Amino acid sequence: MSGLRATHELNRGLSLRSGGDDLLTFVCAPGGRHYLHPLHGPGGGPVLTQDRPTDHPWQHGVFTALHAVDGLDFWTEHRTPAPERGTIRFERLTDLTGDDAAVSWRSQAAWLGPDGQRRLTETLAFTVRRGTAERYAVDLLWTLRAHRDLTIGRYDYGGLAVRPITHPDREHLNANGQTGADTSEARAAWCDVTAPFDGSRAWTAEDKLAGAWYGVTVFDHPQNPTYPTPWRVDGHGLINPSPSLAGDWSITDGDEVSFVYRLLVHAGKPDPDLLDHLHEEFAEEAVPTGDFL
């Protein structure tokens, strides 16, 4: 991959290219949600994520959300009845920096109750690294600051989620060596979803799917409160290291809770030995809370 280039459009978001190839877009239109979509495979690969799929229109590529925040639902958006509906509103993009090797930024959003009062301030701090034609990394520090004492109830899903384009031949794999449905609710240091995607440039004529396989691995970090976190893995391909699946948790008024992740976007099927090695490197990195740039 050649050097990275970032373009920020006020009413759309931040787009990153590597050389002449699209890499990803961070959507952050005023008053809306903030999330990554589309996420492209490395080396000019196809789009891997879905935004507002018809089966789950509240899912947005690579996104963050929670259920049961003092009884409020910040996951399913306006489909939740108004008395329980939470709303996430992007506020500002800051600290955009970068060079040919990496680009970093922060994004802030307000989590508002149906009364319009702020429950949480959310900060997403991203660093995207250039990588190779085989893979590239997206680092994320997800921070929630409470504006009152809050309890987040146990729920089957919630937190960082990756929603890929659904394909019947998709495959899930985790750090324990579990595959398919066995990865659901399992605690693991990492989880991967890989599938064939339309539009690959790498077709080799070996068979109709040769060169079409791309995937995303999410690394959980040992500093996270629920590490190794249990994972929500669903029938549409979604993977979600879910602190809420581990049980109730809370944030005291004025305090913050942070979670650190790395997304490894890769061409081809996953190599578990390589992923174990890369996760070990990630786990050894010092990640100061509140500063991931």
C-alpha atoms as a PDB file:
ATOM      1  CA  MET A   1       0.000   0.000   0.000  1.00  0.00           C
ATOM      2  CA  SER A   2       1.109   3.555  -0.722  1.00  0.00           C
ATOM      3  CA  GLY A   3       0.821   6.420   1.732  1.00  0.00           C
ATOM      4  CA  LEU A   4      -2.427   7.323   3.465  1.00  0.00           C
ATOM      5  CA  ARG A   5      -4.507  10.362   2.551  1.00  0.00           C
ATOM      6  CA  ALA A   6      -7.456  11.694   4.549  1.00  0.00           C
ATOM      7  CA  THR A   7     -10.263  13.900   3.209  1.00  0.00           C
ATOM      8  CA  HIS A   8     -12.798  15.504   5.568  1.00  0.00           C
ATOM      9  CA  GLU A   9     -16.171  16.620   4.199  1.00  0.00           C
ATOM     10  CA  LEU A  10     -18.273  18.558   6.723  1.00  0.00           C
ATOM     11  CA  ASN A  11     -21.657  16.931   6.035  1.00  0.00           C
ATOM     12  CA  ARG A  12     -20.387  13.434   5.239  1.00  0.00           C
ATOM     13  CA  GLY A  13     -17.337  12.453   7.192  1.00  0.00           C
ATOM     14  CA  LEU A  14     -13.686  11.501   6.975  1.00  0.00           C
ATOM     15  CA  SER A  15     -12.511   9.312   4.076  1.00  0.00           C
ATOM     16  CA  LEU A  16      -9.144   7.531   3.964  1.00  0.00           C
ATOM     17  CA  ARG A  17      -7.363   6.297   0.867  1.00  0.00           C
ATOM     18  CA  SER A  18      -4.154   4.336   0.521  1.00  0.00           C
ATOM     19  CA  GLY A  19      -2.504   5.253  -2.724  1.00  0.00           C
ATOM     20  CA  GLY A  20      -5.355   5.163  -5.222  1.00  0.00           C
ATOM     21  CA  ASP A  21      -7.500   2.753  -3.217  1.00  0.00           C
ATOM     22  CA  ASP A  22     -10.391   3.512  -0.883  1.00  0.00           C
ATOM     23  CA  LEU A  23      -9.751   2.253   2.647  1.00  0.00           C
ATOM     24  CA  LEU A  24     -12.627   3.412   4.849  1.00  0.00           C
ATOM     25  CA  THR A  25     -14.992   6.264   5.651  1.00  0.00           C
ATOM     26  CA  PHE A  26     -15.827   7.543   9.125  1.00  0.00           C
ATOM     27  CA  VAL A  27     -19.409   8.820   8.947  1.00  0.00           C
ATOM     28  CA  CYS A  28     -19.999  11.807  11.246  1.00  0.00           C
ATOM     29  CA  ALA A  29     -22.722  14.042   9.886  1.00  0.00           C
ATOM     30  CA  PRO A  30     -23.961  16.670  12.369  1.00  0.00           C
ATOM     31  CA  GLY A  31     -26.756  15.366  14.574  1.00  0.00           C
ATOM     32  CA  GLY A  32     -26.412  11.726  13.461  1.00  0.00           C
ATOM     33  CA  ARG A  33     -24.534   8.646  14.591  1.00  0.00           C
ATOM     34  CA  HIS A  34     -20.783   8.256  14.113  1.00  0.00           C
ATOM     35  CA  TYR A  35     -19.368   4.995  12.731  1.00  0.00           C
ATOM     36  CA  LEU A  36     -17.113   3.406  10.100  1.00  0.00           C
ATOM     37  CA  HIS A  37     -18.675   2.569   6.722  1.00  0.00           C
ATOM     38  CA  PRO A  38     -17.769   1.554   4.139  1.00  0.00           C
ATOM     39  CA  LEU A  39     -14.819  -0.523   5.321  1.00  0.00           C
ATOM     40  CA  HIS A  40     -12.846  -1.854   2.350  1.00  0.00           C
ATOM     41  CA  GLY A  41     -10.622  -4.888   2.115  1.00  0.00           C
ATOM     42  CA  PRO A  42      -6.877  -4.160   1.800  1.00  0.00           C
ATOM     43  CA  GLY A  43      -5.165  -3.762  -1.542  1.00  0.00           C
ATOM     44  CA  GLY A  44      -8.164  -2.198  -3.247  1.00  0.00           C
ATOM     45  CA  GLY A  45     -10.510  -4.826  -1.884  1.00  0.00           C
ATOM     46  CA  PRO A  46     -14.315  -4.693  -1.943  1.00  0.00           C
ATOM     47  CA  VAL A  47     -16.657  -3.135   0.620  1.00  0.00           C
ATOM     48  CA  LEU A  48     -16.947  -5.488   3.617  1.00  0.00           C
ATOM     49  CA  THR A  49     -19.563  -3.743   5.796  1.00  0.00           C
ATOM     50  CA  GLN A  50     -23.277  -2.971   5.636  1.00  0.00           C
ATOM     51  CA  ASP A  51     -25.005   0.206   6.809  1.00  0.00           C
ATOM     52  CA  ARG A  52     -28.671  -0.050   7.805  1.00  0.00           C
ATOM     53  CA  PRO A  53     -29.231  -3.576   6.410  1.00  0.00           C
ATOM     54  CA  THR A  54     -32.887  -4.419   5.948  1.00  0.00           C
ATOM     55  CA  ASP A  55     -32.736  -7.204   8.538  1.00  0.00           C
ATOM     56  CA  HIS A  56     -31.255  -4.898  11.232  1.00  0.00           C
ATOM     57  CA  PRO A  57     -31.530  -1.263  10.034  1.00  0.00           C
ATOM     58  CA  TRP A  58     -30.072   0.090  13.294  1.00  0.00           C
ATOM     59  CA  GLN A  59     -26.684  -1.511  12.527  1.00  0.00           C
ATOM     60  CA  HIS A  60     -24.032   0.707  10.929  1.00  0.00           C
ATOM     61  CA  GLY A  61     -20.858  -0.913   9.600  1.00  0.00           C
ATOM     62  CA  VAL A  62     -18.464  -0.706  12.564  1.00  0.00           C
ATOM     63  CA  PHE A  63     -20.396   1.004  15.357  1.00  0.00           C
ATOM     64  CA  THR A  64     -20.844   1.329  19.134  1.00  0.00           C
ATOM     65  CA  ALA A  65     -24.098   1.208  21.092  1.00  0.00           C
ATOM     66  CA  LEU A  66     -25.659  -0.291  24.234  1.00  0.00           C
ATOM     67  CA  HIS A  67     -28.924  -1.605  25.584  1.00  0.00           C
ATOM     68  CA  ALA A  68     -30.278  -1.162  29.130  1.00  0.00           C
ATOM     69  CA  VAL A  69     -28.503   2.076  30.104  1.00  0.00           C
ATOM     70  CA  ASP A  70     -30.634   2.788  33.185  1.00  0.00           C
ATOM     71  CA  GLY A  71     -33.509   1.294  31.214  1.00  0.00           C
ATOM     72  CA  LEU A  72     -32.783   3.187  27.984  1.00  0.00           C
ATOM     73  CA  ASP A  73     -32.014   1.538  24.644  1.00  0.00           C
ATOM     74  CA  PHE A  74     -29.266   3.206  22.601  1.00  0.00           C
ATOM     75  CA  TRP A  75     -28.994   0.275  20.160  1.00  0.00           C
ATOM     76  CA  THR A  76     -32.183   0.103  18.082  1.00  0.00           C
ATOM     77  CA  GLU A  77     -32.669   3.855  17.614  1.00  0.00           C
ATOM     78  CA  HIS A  78     -36.151   5.140  16.713  1.00  0.00           C
ATOM     79  CA  ARG A  79     -37.579   1.609  16.623  1.00  0.00           C
ATOM     80  CA  THR A  80     -37.537   1.676  20.421  1.00  0.00           C
ATOM     81  CA  PRO A  81     -40.712   3.120  22.030  1.00  0.00           C
ATOM     82  CA  ALA A  82     -40.157   6.756  22.989  1.00  0.00           C
ATOM     83  CA  PRO A  83     -40.134   6.296  26.800  1.00  0.00           C
ATOM     84  CA  GLU A  84     -37.142   3.916  26.539  1.00  0.00           C
ATOM     85  CA  ARG A  85     -35.433   5.458  23.514  1.00  0.00           C
ATOM     86  CA  GLY A  86     -31.886   6.734  23.782  1.00  0.00           C
ATOM     87  CA  THR A  87     -30.343   8.860  21.032  1.00  0.00           C
ATOM     88  CA  ILE A  88     -26.697   9.133  19.994  1.00  0.00           C
ATOM     89  CA  ARG A  89     -25.760  12.473  18.403  1.00  0.00           C
ATOM     90  CA  PHE A  90     -22.343  13.237  16.886  1.00  0.00           C
ATOM     91  CA  GLU A  91     -20.960  16.543  18.194  1.00  0.00           C
ATOM     92  CA  ARG A  92     -17.444  17.169  16.901  1.00  0.00           C
ATOM     93  CA  LEU A  93     -14.363  15.732  15.212  1.00  0.00           C
ATOM     94  CA  THR A  94     -11.017  16.808  16.680  1.00  0.00           C
ATOM     95  CA  ASP A  95      -7.284  16.056  16.733  1.00  0.00           C
ATOM     96  CA  LEU A  96      -7.035  14.943  13.107  1.00  0.00           C
ATOM     97  CA  THR A  97      -3.356  14.208  12.514  1.00  0.00           C
ATOM     98  CA  GLY A  98      -1.389  11.916  10.253  1.00  0.00           C
ATOM     99  CA  ASP A  99       1.315  11.129   7.780  1.00  0.00           C
ATOM    100  CA  ASP A 100       1.898   8.480   5.106  1.00  0.00           C
ATOM    101  CA  ALA A 101       1.987   5.706   7.715  1.00  0.00           C
ATOM    102  CA  ALA A 102      -0.960   6.460  10.036  1.00  0.00           C
ATOM    103  CA  VAL A 103      -3.942   8.773  10.498  1.00  0.00           C
ATOM    104  CA  SER A 104      -5.575   9.501  13.877  1.00  0.00           C
ATOM    105  CA  TRP A 105      -8.636  11.435  15.052  1.00  0.00           C
ATOM    106  CA  ARG A 106     -11.180  11.754  17.845  1.00  0.00           C
ATOM    107  CA  SER A 107     -14.941  11.945  17.602  1.00  0.00           C
ATOM    108  CA  GLN A 108     -17.340  12.974  20.371  1.00  0.00           C
ATOM    109  CA  ALA A 109     -21.049  12.163  20.647  1.00  0.00           C
ATOM    110  CA  ALA A 110     -23.776  12.839  23.206  1.00  0.00           C
ATOM    111  CA  TRP A 111     -25.958   9.982  24.463  1.00  0.00           C
ATOM    112  CA  LEU A 112     -29.292  11.634  25.242  1.00  0.00           C
ATOM    113  CA  GLY A 113     -32.358  10.344  27.032  1.00  0.00           C
ATOM    114  CA  PRO A 114     -35.942  10.936  25.806  1.00  0.00           C
ATOM    115  CA  ASP A 115     -35.987  14.028  28.017  1.00  0.00           C
ATOM    116  CA  GLY A 116     -33.064  15.484  26.047  1.00  0.00           C
ATOM    117  CA  GLN A 117     -30.717  15.202  29.037  1.00  0.00           C
ATOM    118  CA  ARG A 118     -27.192  13.883  28.510  1.00  0.00           C
ATOM    119  CA  ARG A 119     -26.537  10.478  30.076  1.00  0.00           C
ATOM    120  CA  LEU A 120     -23.104   9.860  28.587  1.00  0.00           C
ATOM    121  CA  THR A 121     -20.433  11.574  26.534  1.00  0.00           C
ATOM    122  CA  GLU A 122     -18.842   9.107  24.133  1.00  0.00           C
ATOM    123  CA  THR A 123     -15.388   9.550  22.619  1.00  0.00           C
ATOM    124  CA  LEU A 124     -14.055   7.359  19.822  1.00  0.00           C
ATOM    125  CA  ALA A 125     -10.292   7.735  19.275  1.00  0.00           C
ATOM    126  CA  PHE A 126      -9.110   6.039  16.070  1.00  0.00           C
ATOM    127  CA  THR A 127      -5.726   5.328  14.564  1.00  0.00           C
ATOM    128  CA  VAL A 128      -5.626   3.738  11.101  1.00  0.00           C
ATOM    129  CA  ARG A 129      -2.315   2.240  10.022  1.00  0.00           C
ATOM    130  CA  ARG A 130      -1.288   1.873   6.389  1.00  0.00           C
ATOM    131  CA  GLY A 131      -0.542  -1.852   6.388  1.00  0.00           C
ATOM    132  CA  THR A 132       0.042  -3.990   3.308  1.00  0.00           C
ATOM    133  CA  ALA A 133      -1.924  -5.480   0.437  1.00  0.00           C
ATOM    134  CA  GLU A 134      -2.712  -8.383   2.787  1.00  0.00           C
ATOM    135  CA  ARG A 135      -3.905  -6.501   5.896  1.00  0.00           C
ATOM    136  CA  TYR A 136      -4.197  -3.194   7.728  1.00  0.00           C
ATOM    137  CA  ALA A 137      -5.083  -2.225  11.295  1.00  0.00           C
ATOM    138  CA  VAL A 138      -7.656   0.119  12.812  1.00  0.00           C
ATOM    139  CA  ASP A 139      -7.124   0.903  16.521  1.00  0.00           C
ATOM    140  CA  LEU A 140      -9.976   2.179  18.662  1.00  0.00           C
ATOM    141  CA  LEU A 141     -10.184   3.585  22.171  1.00  0.00           C
ATOM    142  CA  TRP A 142     -13.881   3.758  23.155  1.00  0.00           C
ATOM    143  CA  THR A 143     -14.552   5.960  26.192  1.00  0.00           C
ATOM    144  CA  LEU A 144     -17.833   6.631  27.999  1.00  0.00           C
ATOM    145  CA  ARG A 145     -18.083   9.459  30.562  1.00  0.00           C
ATOM    146  CA  ALA A 146     -21.157   9.414  32.807  1.00  0.00           C
ATOM    147  CA  HIS A 147     -23.199  12.493  33.659  1.00  0.00           C
ATOM    148  CA  ARG A 148     -25.084  10.716  36.438  1.00  0.00           C
ATOM    149  CA  ASP A 149     -24.722   7.382  38.210  1.00  0.00           C
ATOM    150  CA  LEU A 150     -25.561   4.765  35.585  1.00  0.00           C
ATOM    151  CA  THR A 151     -26.096   1.011  35.554  1.00  0.00           C
ATOM    152  CA  ILE A 152     -25.822  -0.857  32.251  1.00  0.00           C
ATOM    153  CA  GLY A 153     -27.828  -4.047  32.538  1.00  0.00           C
ATOM    154  CA  ARG A 154     -26.810  -7.465  31.319  1.00  0.00           C
ATOM    155  CA  TYR A 155     -27.808  -7.957  27.698  1.00  0.00           C
ATOM    156  CA  ASP A 156     -26.970 -10.444  24.947  1.00  0.00           C
ATOM    157  CA  TYR A 157     -25.170  -7.782  22.939  1.00  0.00           C
ATOM    158  CA  GLY A 158     -23.843  -4.237  23.162  1.00  0.00           C
ATOM    159  CA  GLY A 159     -20.556  -2.403  22.726  1.00  0.00           C
ATOM    160  CA  LEU A 160     -18.337  -2.375  19.646  1.00  0.00           C
ATOM    161  CA  ALA A 161     -19.891  -4.278  16.747  1.00  0.00           C
ATOM    162  CA  VAL A 162     -18.800  -5.164  13.217  1.00  0.00           C
ATOM    163  CA  ARG A 163     -21.606  -5.851  10.738  1.00  0.00           C
ATOM    164  CA  PRO A 164     -20.282  -7.392   7.518  1.00  0.00           C
ATOM    165  CA  ILE A 165     -22.248  -7.969   4.349  1.00  0.00           C
ATOM    166  CA  THR A 166     -24.163 -11.188   4.938  1.00  0.00           C
ATOM    167  CA  HIS A 167     -23.039 -14.224   2.925  1.00  0.00           C
ATOM    168  CA  PRO A 168     -24.185 -17.842   3.416  1.00  0.00           C
ATOM    169  CA  ASP A 169     -20.577 -19.090   3.293  1.00  0.00           C
ATOM    170  CA  ARG A 170     -19.309 -16.763   6.038  1.00  0.00           C
ATOM    171  CA  GLU A 171     -17.051 -18.308   8.679  1.00  0.00           C
ATOM    172  CA  HIS A 172     -16.390 -17.371  12.316  1.00  0.00           C
ATOM    173  CA  LEU A 173     -13.235 -18.293  14.211  1.00  0.00           C
ATOM    174  CA  ASN A 174     -11.964 -17.273  17.644  1.00  0.00           C
ATOM    175  CA  ALA A 175      -8.740 -17.431  19.644  1.00  0.00           C
ATOM    176  CA  ASN A 176      -9.867 -20.653  21.331  1.00  0.00           C
ATOM    177  CA  GLY A 177     -10.063 -22.452  17.976  1.00  0.00           C
ATOM    178  CA  GLN A 178     -13.861 -22.492  18.117  1.00  0.00           C
ATOM    179  CA  THR A 179     -15.763 -22.000  14.874  1.00  0.00           C
ATOM    180  CA  GLY A 180     -19.278 -21.163  13.726  1.00  0.00           C
ATOM    181  CA  ALA A 181     -22.008 -21.117  16.352  1.00  0.00           C
ATOM    182  CA  ASP A 182     -19.532 -22.272  19.026  1.00  0.00           C
ATOM    183  CA  THR A 183     -17.998 -18.781  19.021  1.00  0.00           C
ATOM    184  CA  SER A 184     -21.289 -17.278  20.261  1.00  0.00           C
ATOM    185  CA  GLU A 185     -21.092 -16.195  23.944  1.00  0.00           C
ATOM    186  CA  ALA A 186     -17.593 -17.702  24.247  1.00  0.00           C
ATOM    187  CA  ARG A 187     -14.935 -15.652  26.031  1.00  0.00           C
ATOM    188  CA  ALA A 188     -11.994 -15.156  23.678  1.00  0.00           C
ATOM    189  CA  ALA A 189      -9.060 -12.788  23.121  1.00  0.00           C
ATOM    190  CA  TRP A 190     -10.080 -12.302  19.484  1.00  0.00           C
ATOM    191  CA  CYS A 191     -12.803 -13.242  17.033  1.00  0.00           C
ATOM    192  CA  ASP A 192     -12.820 -13.193  13.232  1.00  0.00           C
ATOM    193  CA  VAL A 193     -15.516 -13.130  10.567  1.00  0.00           C
ATOM    194  CA  THR A 194     -14.493 -13.976   6.987  1.00  0.00           C
ATOM    195  CA  ALA A 195     -16.593 -14.427   3.849  1.00  0.00           C
ATOM    196  CA  PRO A 196     -16.461 -14.213   0.051  1.00  0.00           C
ATOM    197  CA  PHE A 197     -17.228 -10.712  -1.223  1.00  0.00           C
ATOM    198  CA  ASP A 198     -18.337  -9.369  -4.584  1.00  0.00           C
ATOM    199  CA  GLY A 199     -15.979  -7.124  -6.503  1.00  0.00           C
ATOM    200  CA  SER A 200     -12.615  -8.629  -5.590  1.00  0.00           C
ATOM    201  CA  ARG A 201      -9.732  -7.772  -7.911  1.00  0.00           C
ATOM    202  CA  ALA A 202      -7.872 -10.920  -6.874  1.00  0.00           C
ATOM    203  CA  TRP A 203      -9.904 -13.643  -8.638  1.00  0.00           C
ATOM    204  CA  THR A 204      -7.504 -16.402  -9.735  1.00  0.00           C
ATOM    205  CA  ALA A 205      -9.793 -18.769 -11.716  1.00  0.00           C
ATOM    206  CA  GLU A 206      -9.030 -21.673  -9.377  1.00  0.00           C
ATOM    207  CA  ASP A 207     -12.726 -21.758  -8.481  1.00  0.00           C
ATOM    208  CA  LYS A 208     -15.551 -19.233  -8.381  1.00  0.00           C
ATOM    209  CA  LEU A 209     -14.644 -18.011  -4.844  1.00  0.00           C
ATOM    210  CA  ALA A 210     -10.861 -17.959  -5.233  1.00  0.00           C
ATOM    211  CA  GLY A 211      -9.559 -14.521  -4.297  1.00  0.00           C
ATOM    212  CA  ALA A 212     -12.951 -13.406  -2.991  1.00  0.00           C
ATOM    213  CA  TRP A 213     -12.308 -14.073   0.709  1.00  0.00           C
ATOM    214  CA  TYR A 214     -11.810 -11.120   3.060  1.00  0.00           C
ATOM    215  CA  GLY A 215     -12.319 -10.738   6.784  1.00  0.00           C
ATOM    216  CA  VAL A 216     -12.156  -8.632   9.918  1.00  0.00           C
ATOM    217  CA  THR A 217     -10.599  -9.759  13.190  1.00  0.00           C
ATOM    218  CA  VAL A 218     -11.322  -7.829  16.386  1.00  0.00           C
ATOM    219  CA  PHE A 219      -8.659  -8.005  19.103  1.00  0.00           C
ATOM    220  CA  ASP A 220      -9.782  -7.547  22.702  1.00  0.00           C
ATOM    221  CA  HIS A 221      -7.166  -5.861  24.946  1.00  0.00           C
ATOM    222  CA  PRO A 222      -6.180  -7.176  28.408  1.00  0.00           C
ATOM    223  CA  GLN A 223      -6.809  -3.751  29.966  1.00  0.00           C
ATOM    224  CA  ASN A 224     -10.534  -4.032  29.132  1.00  0.00           C
ATOM    225  CA  PRO A 225     -12.697  -4.641  32.219  1.00  0.00           C
ATOM    226  CA  THR A 226     -14.215  -7.912  30.954  1.00  0.00           C
ATOM    227  CA  TYR A 227     -11.170  -9.385  29.160  1.00  0.00           C
ATOM    228  CA  PRO A 228     -11.413 -11.958  27.696  1.00  0.00           C
ATOM    229  CA  THR A 229     -14.848 -10.661  26.785  1.00  0.00           C
ATOM    230  CA  PRO A 230     -17.769 -12.892  25.750  1.00  0.00           C
ATOM    231  CA  TRP A 231     -18.778 -12.362  22.124  1.00  0.00           C
ATOM    232  CA  ARG A 232     -22.115 -11.850  20.467  1.00  0.00           C
ATOM    233  CA  VAL A 233     -21.899 -13.673  17.124  1.00  0.00           C
ATOM    234  CA  ASP A 234     -25.087 -13.799  15.075  1.00  0.00           C
ATOM    235  CA  GLY A 235     -26.513 -15.466  12.002  1.00  0.00           C
ATOM    236  CA  HIS A 236     -25.885 -12.435   9.786  1.00  0.00           C
ATOM    237  CA  GLY A 237     -22.151 -12.404  10.510  1.00  0.00           C
ATOM    238  CA  LEU A 238     -22.005  -9.693  13.200  1.00  0.00           C
ATOM    239  CA  ILE A 239     -19.232  -9.954  15.800  1.00  0.00           C
ATOM    240  CA  ASN A 240     -19.406  -7.979  19.051  1.00  0.00           C
ATOM    241  CA  PRO A 241     -17.149  -8.207  22.119  1.00  0.00           C
ATOM    242  CA  SER A 242     -19.924  -7.412  24.574  1.00  0.00           C
ATOM    243  CA  PRO A 243     -19.205  -6.195  28.116  1.00  0.00           C
ATOM    244  CA  SER A 244     -22.967  -6.386  28.744  1.00  0.00           C
ATOM    245  CA  LEU A 245     -23.001 -10.092  27.936  1.00  0.00           C
ATOM    246  CA  ALA A 246     -20.635 -10.552  30.893  1.00  0.00           C
ATOM    247  CA  GLY A 247     -23.196  -9.052  33.313  1.00  0.00           C
ATOM    248  CA  ASP A 248     -24.359  -5.750  34.807  1.00  0.00           C
ATOM    249  CA  TRP A 249     -21.794  -2.950  34.974  1.00  0.00           C
ATOM    250  CA  SER A 250     -21.870   0.662  36.102  1.00  0.00           C
ATOM    251  CA  ILE A 251     -20.268   4.091  35.709  1.00  0.00           C
ATOM    252  CA  THR A 252     -20.336   6.666  38.507  1.00  0.00           C
ATOM    253  CA  ASP A 253     -21.259  10.283  37.775  1.00  0.00           C
ATOM    254  CA  GLY A 254     -18.176  12.067  36.427  1.00  0.00           C
ATOM    255  CA  ASP A 255     -16.180   8.872  35.881  1.00  0.00           C
ATOM    256  CA  GLU A 256     -15.082   7.231  32.648  1.00  0.00           C
ATOM    257  CA  VAL A 257     -14.855   3.649  31.398  1.00  0.00           C
ATOM    258  CA  SER A 258     -12.657   2.828  28.408  1.00  0.00           C
ATOM    259  CA  PHE A 259     -12.281  -0.165  26.093  1.00  0.00           C
ATOM    260  CA  VAL A 260      -9.401  -0.761  23.680  1.00  0.00           C
ATOM    261  CA  TYR A 261      -9.679  -2.752  20.453  1.00  0.00           C
ATOM    262  CA  ARG A 262      -7.776  -3.406  17.251  1.00  0.00           C
ATOM    263  CA  LEU A 263      -9.522  -4.334  14.008  1.00  0.00           C
ATOM    264  CA  LEU A 264      -7.343  -6.274  11.606  1.00  0.00           C
ATOM    265  CA  VAL A 265      -8.820  -6.076   8.108  1.00  0.00           C
ATOM    266  CA  HIS A 266      -7.363  -8.853   5.963  1.00  0.00           C
ATOM    267  CA  ALA A 267      -7.427 -10.498   2.546  1.00  0.00           C
ATOM    268  CA  GLY A 268      -7.871 -14.270   2.428  1.00  0.00           C
ATOM    269  CA  LYS A 269      -8.905 -16.648   5.167  1.00  0.00           C
ATOM    270  CA  PRO A 270      -7.456 -16.086   8.658  1.00  0.00           C
ATOM    271  CA  ASP A 271      -4.225 -17.687   9.855  1.00  0.00           C
ATOM    272  CA  PRO A 272      -4.861 -18.442  13.565  1.00  0.00           C
ATOM    273  CA  ASP A 273      -1.158 -18.710  14.433  1.00  0.00           C
ATOM    274  CA  LEU A 274      -0.486 -15.309  12.881  1.00  0.00           C
ATOM    275  CA  LEU A 275      -3.499 -13.801  14.646  1.00  0.00           C
ATOM    276  CA  ASP A 276      -2.297 -15.187  17.984  1.00  0.00           C
ATOM    277  CA  HIS A 277       1.112 -13.618  17.383  1.00  0.00           C
ATOM    278  CA  LEU A 278      -0.341 -10.259  16.346  1.00  0.00           C
ATOM    279  CA  HIS A 279      -2.670 -10.268  19.336  1.00  0.00           C
ATOM    280  CA  GLU A 280       0.267 -10.905  21.667  1.00  0.00           C
ATOM    281  CA  GLU A 281       2.009  -7.841  20.204  1.00  0.00           C
ATOM    282  CA  PHE A 282      -1.146  -5.771  20.626  1.00  0.00           C
ATOM    283  CA  ALA A 283      -1.651  -6.960  24.198  1.00  0.00           C
ATOM    284  CA  GLU A 284       1.868  -5.856  25.140  1.00  0.00           C
ATOM    285  CA  GLU A 285       1.384  -2.321  23.877  1.00  0.00           C
ATOM    286  CA  ALA A 286       0.891   0.310  26.572  1.00  0.00           C
ATOM    287  CA  VAL A 287      -2.365   2.129  25.934  1.00  0.00           C
ATOM    288  CA  PRO A 288      -2.851   5.145  28.239  1.00  0.00           C
ATOM    289  CA  THR A 289      -6.522   5.563  29.160  1.00  0.00           C
ATOM    290  CA  GLY A 290      -7.988   8.595  27.383  1.00  0.00           C
ATOM    291  CA  ASP A 291      -5.081   8.952  24.922  1.00  0.00           C
ATOM    292  CA  PHE A 292      -4.759   6.716  21.908  1.00  0.00           C
ATOM    293  CA  LEU A 293      -3.175   9.135  19.443  1.00  0.00           C
END
